[in-house]
Amino acid sequence: MRWIVLASVMALAACDPNQMADQAGRRVAATVVLPVVQLDMPTPLAQRATDCIVRNATAAEVQALARDVAVVAGSSTKATIRGIALRPEASACFAANGVPPVRP
């Protein structure tokens, strides 16, 4: 039992604070992206699309999206989401997850 506690403490100590902050920002950004994507597709597909979009966003885009938490997304936020969704990497993620491609 003691080795489990020790392993847990060591794992937490090894966590990169920047990586943890990035992951937290991406979770917050996903709460902004999902309602926008749900306007165009049902929730199960929208969730998969949101994951692809957030995964392919830059750190600066994640920060910008996260700033819109708890407010209705404006045209700039929607444009950012669309721009990320149109990237080849996001398109490949959509295809791999059964999400229809975004029309240019």
N, C-alpha and C. Protein backbone atom coordinates (compact mmCIF):
# COMPACT_ATOMS: atom_id res chain seq x y z
N MET A 1 0.83 -1.19 0.00
CA MET A 1 0.00 0.00 0.00
C MET A 1 0.87 1.25 0.00
N ARG A 2 1.96 1.20 0.74
CA ARG A 2 2.82 2.37 0.83
C ARG A 2 3.43 2.71 -0.52
N TRP A 3 3.73 1.69 -1.33
CA TRP A 3 4.34 1.95 -2.64
C TRP A 3 3.36 2.64 -3.57
N ILE A 4 2.06 2.40 -3.39
CA ILE A 4 1.05 3.09 -4.21
C ILE A 4 1.05 4.58 -3.89
N VAL A 5 1.09 4.90 -2.62
CA VAL A 5 1.14 6.30 -2.20
C VAL A 5 2.41 6.96 -2.72
N LEU A 6 3.53 6.27 -2.58
CA LEU A 6 4.80 6.81 -3.05
C LEU A 6 4.79 7.01 -4.56
N ALA A 7 4.25 6.05 -5.28
CA ALA A 7 4.17 6.17 -6.74
C ALA A 7 3.28 7.34 -7.14
N SER A 8 2.19 7.52 -6.42
CA SER A 8 1.28 8.64 -6.71
C SER A 8 1.96 9.98 -6.48
N VAL A 9 2.68 10.09 -5.37
CA VAL A 9 3.39 11.34 -5.06
C VAL A 9 4.45 11.62 -6.12
N MET A 10 5.17 10.59 -6.52
CA MET A 10 6.21 10.77 -7.54
C MET A 10 5.59 11.16 -8.89
N ALA A 11 4.45 10.58 -9.23
CA ALA A 11 3.79 10.92 -10.48
C ALA A 11 3.33 12.37 -10.48
N LEU A 12 2.78 12.82 -9.36
CA LEU A 12 2.35 14.22 -9.27
C LEU A 12 3.53 15.18 -9.34
N ALA A 13 4.63 14.80 -8.74
CA ALA A 13 5.82 15.65 -8.76
C ALA A 13 6.39 15.75 -10.17
N ALA A 14 6.19 14.72 -10.96
CA ALA A 14 6.73 14.71 -12.32
C ALA A 14 5.86 15.49 -13.30
N CYS A 15 4.67 15.89 -12.90
CA CYS A 15 3.78 16.62 -13.80
C CYS A 15 4.36 17.99 -14.13
N ASP A 16 4.30 18.31 -15.38
CA ASP A 16 4.78 19.61 -15.85
C ASP A 16 3.67 20.64 -15.63
N PRO A 17 3.93 21.70 -14.87
CA PRO A 17 2.89 22.70 -14.61
C PRO A 17 2.35 23.34 -15.89
N ASN A 18 3.22 23.54 -16.88
CA ASN A 18 2.76 24.12 -18.14
C ASN A 18 1.81 23.18 -18.86
N GLN A 19 2.13 21.89 -18.83
CA GLN A 19 1.26 20.91 -19.47
C GLN A 19 -0.08 20.83 -18.76
N MET A 20 -0.05 20.89 -17.44
CA MET A 20 -1.29 20.86 -16.67
C MET A 20 -2.15 22.09 -16.98
N ALA A 21 -1.52 23.26 -17.09
CA ALA A 21 -2.24 24.48 -17.42
C ALA A 21 -2.82 24.40 -18.83
N ASP A 22 -2.04 23.84 -19.77
CA ASP A 22 -2.53 23.68 -21.14
C ASP A 22 -3.75 22.77 -21.18
N GLN A 23 -3.69 21.66 -20.47
CA GLN A 23 -4.81 20.73 -20.44
C GLN A 23 -6.05 21.37 -19.81
N ALA A 24 -5.85 22.14 -18.76
CA ALA A 24 -6.98 22.82 -18.12
C ALA A 24 -7.58 23.85 -19.07
N GLY A 25 -6.72 24.60 -19.77
CA GLY A 25 -7.20 25.58 -20.74
C GLY A 25 -7.97 24.91 -21.87
N ARG A 26 -7.50 23.77 -22.32
CA ARG A 26 -8.20 23.04 -23.40
C ARG A 26 -9.56 22.53 -22.93
N ARG A 27 -9.66 22.11 -21.68
CA ARG A 27 -10.97 21.68 -21.16
C ARG A 27 -11.94 22.87 -21.12
N VAL A 28 -11.44 24.02 -20.71
CA VAL A 28 -12.30 25.22 -20.67
C VAL A 28 -12.67 25.63 -22.09
N ALA A 29 -11.71 25.61 -23.00
CA ALA A 29 -11.98 25.97 -24.39
C ALA A 29 -13.04 25.05 -25.00
N ALA A 30 -13.01 23.79 -24.64
CA ALA A 30 -13.99 22.84 -25.16
C ALA A 30 -15.41 23.24 -24.77
N THR A 31 -15.57 23.85 -23.59
CA THR A 31 -16.91 24.28 -23.16
C THR A 31 -17.41 25.47 -23.99
N VAL A 32 -16.49 26.17 -24.62
CA VAL A 32 -16.84 27.28 -25.50
C VAL A 32 -17.12 26.75 -26.91
N VAL A 33 -16.31 25.81 -27.36
CA VAL A 33 -16.42 25.28 -28.72
C VAL A 33 -17.68 24.44 -28.91
N LEU A 34 -17.98 23.58 -27.96
CA LEU A 34 -19.09 22.64 -28.12
C LEU A 34 -20.42 23.31 -28.48
N PRO A 35 -20.87 24.34 -27.78
CA PRO A 35 -22.16 24.94 -28.16
C PRO A 35 -22.16 25.51 -29.58
N VAL A 36 -21.02 25.99 -30.04
CA VAL A 36 -20.93 26.52 -31.40
C VAL A 36 -21.05 25.39 -32.40
N VAL A 37 -20.37 24.30 -32.16
CA VAL A 37 -20.39 23.16 -33.07
C VAL A 37 -21.77 22.49 -33.05
N GLN A 38 -22.43 22.50 -31.91
CA GLN A 38 -23.76 21.89 -31.80
C GLN A 38 -24.79 22.61 -32.66
N LEU A 39 -24.50 23.80 -33.10
CA LEU A 39 -25.42 24.51 -34.00
C LEU A 39 -25.50 23.82 -35.35
N ASP A 40 -24.46 23.06 -35.70
CA ASP A 40 -24.39 22.44 -37.02
C ASP A 40 -24.51 20.92 -37.03
N MET A 41 -24.45 20.29 -35.87
CA MET A 41 -24.53 18.82 -35.84
C MET A 41 -25.03 18.34 -34.50
N PRO A 42 -25.53 17.11 -34.45
CA PRO A 42 -26.02 16.58 -33.18
C PRO A 42 -24.89 16.40 -32.16
N THR A 43 -25.27 16.35 -30.92
CA THR A 43 -24.30 16.34 -29.82
C THR A 43 -23.22 15.27 -29.91
N PRO A 44 -23.52 14.01 -30.21
CA PRO A 44 -22.43 13.03 -30.26
C PRO A 44 -21.35 13.40 -31.29
N LEU A 45 -21.76 13.82 -32.46
CA LEU A 45 -20.80 14.27 -33.47
C LEU A 45 -20.12 15.56 -33.05
N ALA A 46 -20.88 16.45 -32.46
CA ALA A 46 -20.34 17.74 -32.02
C ALA A 46 -19.25 17.55 -30.97
N GLN A 47 -19.44 16.57 -30.10
CA GLN A 47 -18.42 16.31 -29.06
C GLN A 47 -17.13 15.83 -29.70
N ARG A 48 -17.25 14.93 -30.67
CA ARG A 48 -16.06 14.43 -31.36
C ARG A 48 -15.38 15.55 -32.15
N ALA A 49 -16.18 16.38 -32.80
CA ALA A 49 -15.62 17.51 -33.56
C ALA A 49 -14.93 18.50 -32.62
N THR A 50 -15.55 18.76 -31.48
CA THR A 50 -14.97 19.65 -30.48
C THR A 50 -13.61 19.14 -30.02
N ASP A 51 -13.54 17.84 -29.75
CA ASP A 51 -12.26 17.25 -29.34
C ASP A 51 -11.18 17.48 -30.40
N CYS A 52 -11.55 17.30 -31.67
CA CYS A 52 -10.59 17.50 -32.76
C CYS A 52 -10.16 18.97 -32.85
N ILE A 53 -11.11 19.86 -32.72
CA ILE A 53 -10.82 21.29 -32.81
C ILE A 53 -9.90 21.73 -31.68
N VAL A 54 -10.25 21.35 -30.47
CA VAL A 54 -9.45 21.76 -29.30
C VAL A 54 -8.05 21.14 -29.37
N ARG A 55 -7.97 19.90 -29.81
CA ARG A 55 -6.68 19.22 -29.91
C ARG A 55 -5.76 19.91 -30.92
N ASN A 56 -6.34 20.51 -31.94
CA ASN A 56 -5.55 21.13 -33.00
C ASN A 56 -5.40 22.64 -32.87
N ALA A 57 -5.90 23.20 -31.78
CA ALA A 57 -5.75 24.63 -31.51
C ALA A 57 -4.37 24.91 -30.95
N THR A 58 -3.84 26.07 -31.30
CA THR A 58 -2.57 26.50 -30.72
C THR A 58 -2.82 26.96 -29.28
N ALA A 59 -1.76 27.14 -28.54
CA ALA A 59 -1.89 27.63 -27.16
C ALA A 59 -2.57 29.00 -27.13
N ALA A 60 -2.21 29.86 -28.06
CA ALA A 60 -2.83 31.20 -28.12
C ALA A 60 -4.31 31.10 -28.44
N GLU A 61 -4.68 30.18 -29.34
CA GLU A 61 -6.10 30.01 -29.68
C GLU A 61 -6.86 29.44 -28.48
N VAL A 62 -6.26 28.53 -27.76
CA VAL A 62 -6.90 27.97 -26.57
C VAL A 62 -7.18 29.09 -25.56
N GLN A 63 -6.20 29.95 -25.36
CA GLN A 63 -6.39 31.07 -24.42
C GLN A 63 -7.51 31.99 -24.89
N ALA A 64 -7.53 32.28 -26.18
CA ALA A 64 -8.58 33.16 -26.72
C ALA A 64 -9.96 32.52 -26.57
N LEU A 65 -10.06 31.24 -26.85
CA LEU A 65 -11.34 30.55 -26.71
C LEU A 65 -11.77 30.49 -25.25
N ALA A 66 -10.84 30.21 -24.37
CA ALA A 66 -11.15 30.09 -22.95
C ALA A 66 -11.64 31.41 -22.36
N ARG A 67 -11.23 32.52 -22.94
CA ARG A 67 -11.70 33.83 -22.45
C ARG A 67 -13.20 34.00 -22.65
N ASP A 68 -13.78 33.23 -23.58
CA ASP A 68 -15.22 33.35 -23.85
C ASP A 68 -16.08 32.42 -23.01
N VAL A 69 -15.50 31.81 -21.99
CA VAL A 69 -16.28 30.91 -21.15
C VAL A 69 -17.40 31.69 -20.48
N ALA A 70 -18.56 31.08 -20.41
CA ALA A 70 -19.75 31.64 -19.75
C ALA A 70 -20.38 32.82 -20.48
N VAL A 71 -20.00 33.02 -21.73
CA VAL A 71 -20.66 34.03 -22.55
C VAL A 71 -21.02 33.40 -23.90
N VAL A 72 -21.91 34.02 -24.61
CA VAL A 72 -22.27 33.54 -25.94
C VAL A 72 -21.13 33.87 -26.89
N ALA A 73 -20.70 32.88 -27.66
CA ALA A 73 -19.58 33.07 -28.58
C ALA A 73 -19.94 34.10 -29.64
N GLY A 74 -19.02 35.03 -29.85
CA GLY A 74 -19.21 36.06 -30.85
C GLY A 74 -18.64 35.64 -32.20
N SER A 75 -18.67 36.56 -33.14
CA SER A 75 -18.22 36.25 -34.50
C SER A 75 -16.73 35.94 -34.55
N SER A 76 -15.93 36.59 -33.73
CA SER A 76 -14.49 36.31 -33.70
C SER A 76 -14.22 34.89 -33.19
N THR A 77 -14.91 34.49 -32.15
CA THR A 77 -14.76 33.15 -31.61
C THR A 77 -15.20 32.11 -32.63
N LYS A 78 -16.32 32.36 -33.27
CA LYS A 78 -16.81 31.43 -34.29
C LYS A 78 -15.83 31.34 -35.45
N ALA A 79 -15.22 32.44 -35.83
CA ALA A 79 -14.22 32.43 -36.91
C ALA A 79 -12.99 31.65 -36.50
N THR A 80 -12.58 31.79 -35.25
CA THR A 80 -11.43 31.02 -34.75
C THR A 80 -11.72 29.53 -34.80
N ILE A 81 -12.89 29.14 -34.34
CA ILE A 81 -13.29 27.73 -34.34
C ILE A 81 -13.31 27.19 -35.77
N ARG A 82 -13.89 27.95 -36.66
CA ARG A 82 -13.98 27.52 -38.07
C ARG A 82 -12.59 27.41 -38.69
N GLY A 83 -11.73 28.37 -38.40
CA GLY A 83 -10.37 28.33 -38.94
C GLY A 83 -9.61 27.09 -38.49
N ILE A 84 -9.77 26.74 -37.23
CA ILE A 84 -9.11 25.53 -36.71
C ILE A 84 -9.72 24.29 -37.38
N ALA A 85 -11.03 24.27 -37.51
CA ALA A 85 -11.72 23.12 -38.09
C ALA A 85 -11.34 22.88 -39.55
N LEU A 86 -10.93 23.93 -40.25
CA LEU A 86 -10.56 23.80 -41.66
C LEU A 86 -9.13 23.33 -41.87
N ARG A 87 -8.34 23.26 -40.82
CA ARG A 87 -6.95 22.82 -40.95
C ARG A 87 -6.89 21.34 -41.36
N PRO A 88 -5.88 20.98 -42.13
CA PRO A 88 -5.75 19.57 -42.55
C PRO A 88 -5.70 18.60 -41.37
N GLU A 89 -5.05 18.98 -40.28
CA GLU A 89 -4.94 18.09 -39.13
C GLU A 89 -6.31 17.86 -38.49
N ALA A 90 -7.11 18.92 -38.38
CA ALA A 90 -8.45 18.79 -37.82
C ALA A 90 -9.33 17.98 -38.77
N SER A 91 -9.19 18.22 -40.07
CA SER A 91 -9.97 17.45 -41.05
C SER A 91 -9.65 15.96 -40.96
N ALA A 92 -8.38 15.64 -40.78
CA ALA A 92 -7.97 14.24 -40.64
C ALA A 92 -8.56 13.64 -39.36
N CYS A 93 -8.59 14.43 -38.30
CA CYS A 93 -9.17 13.98 -37.03
C CYS A 93 -10.67 13.76 -37.21
N PHE A 94 -11.35 14.66 -37.92
CA PHE A 94 -12.78 14.50 -38.19
C PHE A 94 -13.01 13.18 -38.92
N ALA A 95 -12.23 12.94 -39.99
CA ALA A 95 -12.41 11.72 -40.78
C ALA A 95 -12.17 10.48 -39.94
N ALA A 96 -11.18 10.51 -39.09
CA ALA A 96 -10.87 9.36 -38.24
C ALA A 96 -11.94 9.10 -37.18
N ASN A 97 -12.74 10.13 -36.88
CA ASN A 97 -13.76 10.01 -35.83
C ASN A 97 -15.19 10.04 -36.36
N GLY A 98 -15.34 9.91 -37.69
CA GLY A 98 -16.68 9.85 -38.27
C GLY A 98 -17.43 11.17 -38.29
N VAL A 99 -16.70 12.26 -38.24
CA VAL A 99 -17.32 13.60 -38.27
C VAL A 99 -17.27 14.10 -39.71
N PRO A 100 -18.37 14.59 -40.24
CA PRO A 100 -18.35 15.10 -41.62
C PRO A 100 -17.40 16.30 -41.75
N PRO A 101 -16.79 16.44 -42.91
CA PRO A 101 -15.85 17.56 -43.09
C PRO A 101 -16.56 18.91 -43.07
N VAL A 102 -15.82 19.93 -42.72
CA VAL A 102 -16.35 21.29 -42.72
C VAL A 102 -16.25 21.81 -44.16
N ARG A 103 -17.30 22.41 -44.61
CA ARG A 103 -17.28 22.98 -45.97
C ARG A 103 -16.54 24.31 -45.94
N PRO A 104 -15.61 24.49 -46.87
CA PRO A 104 -14.87 25.78 -46.92
C PRO A 104 -15.76 26.96 -47.22
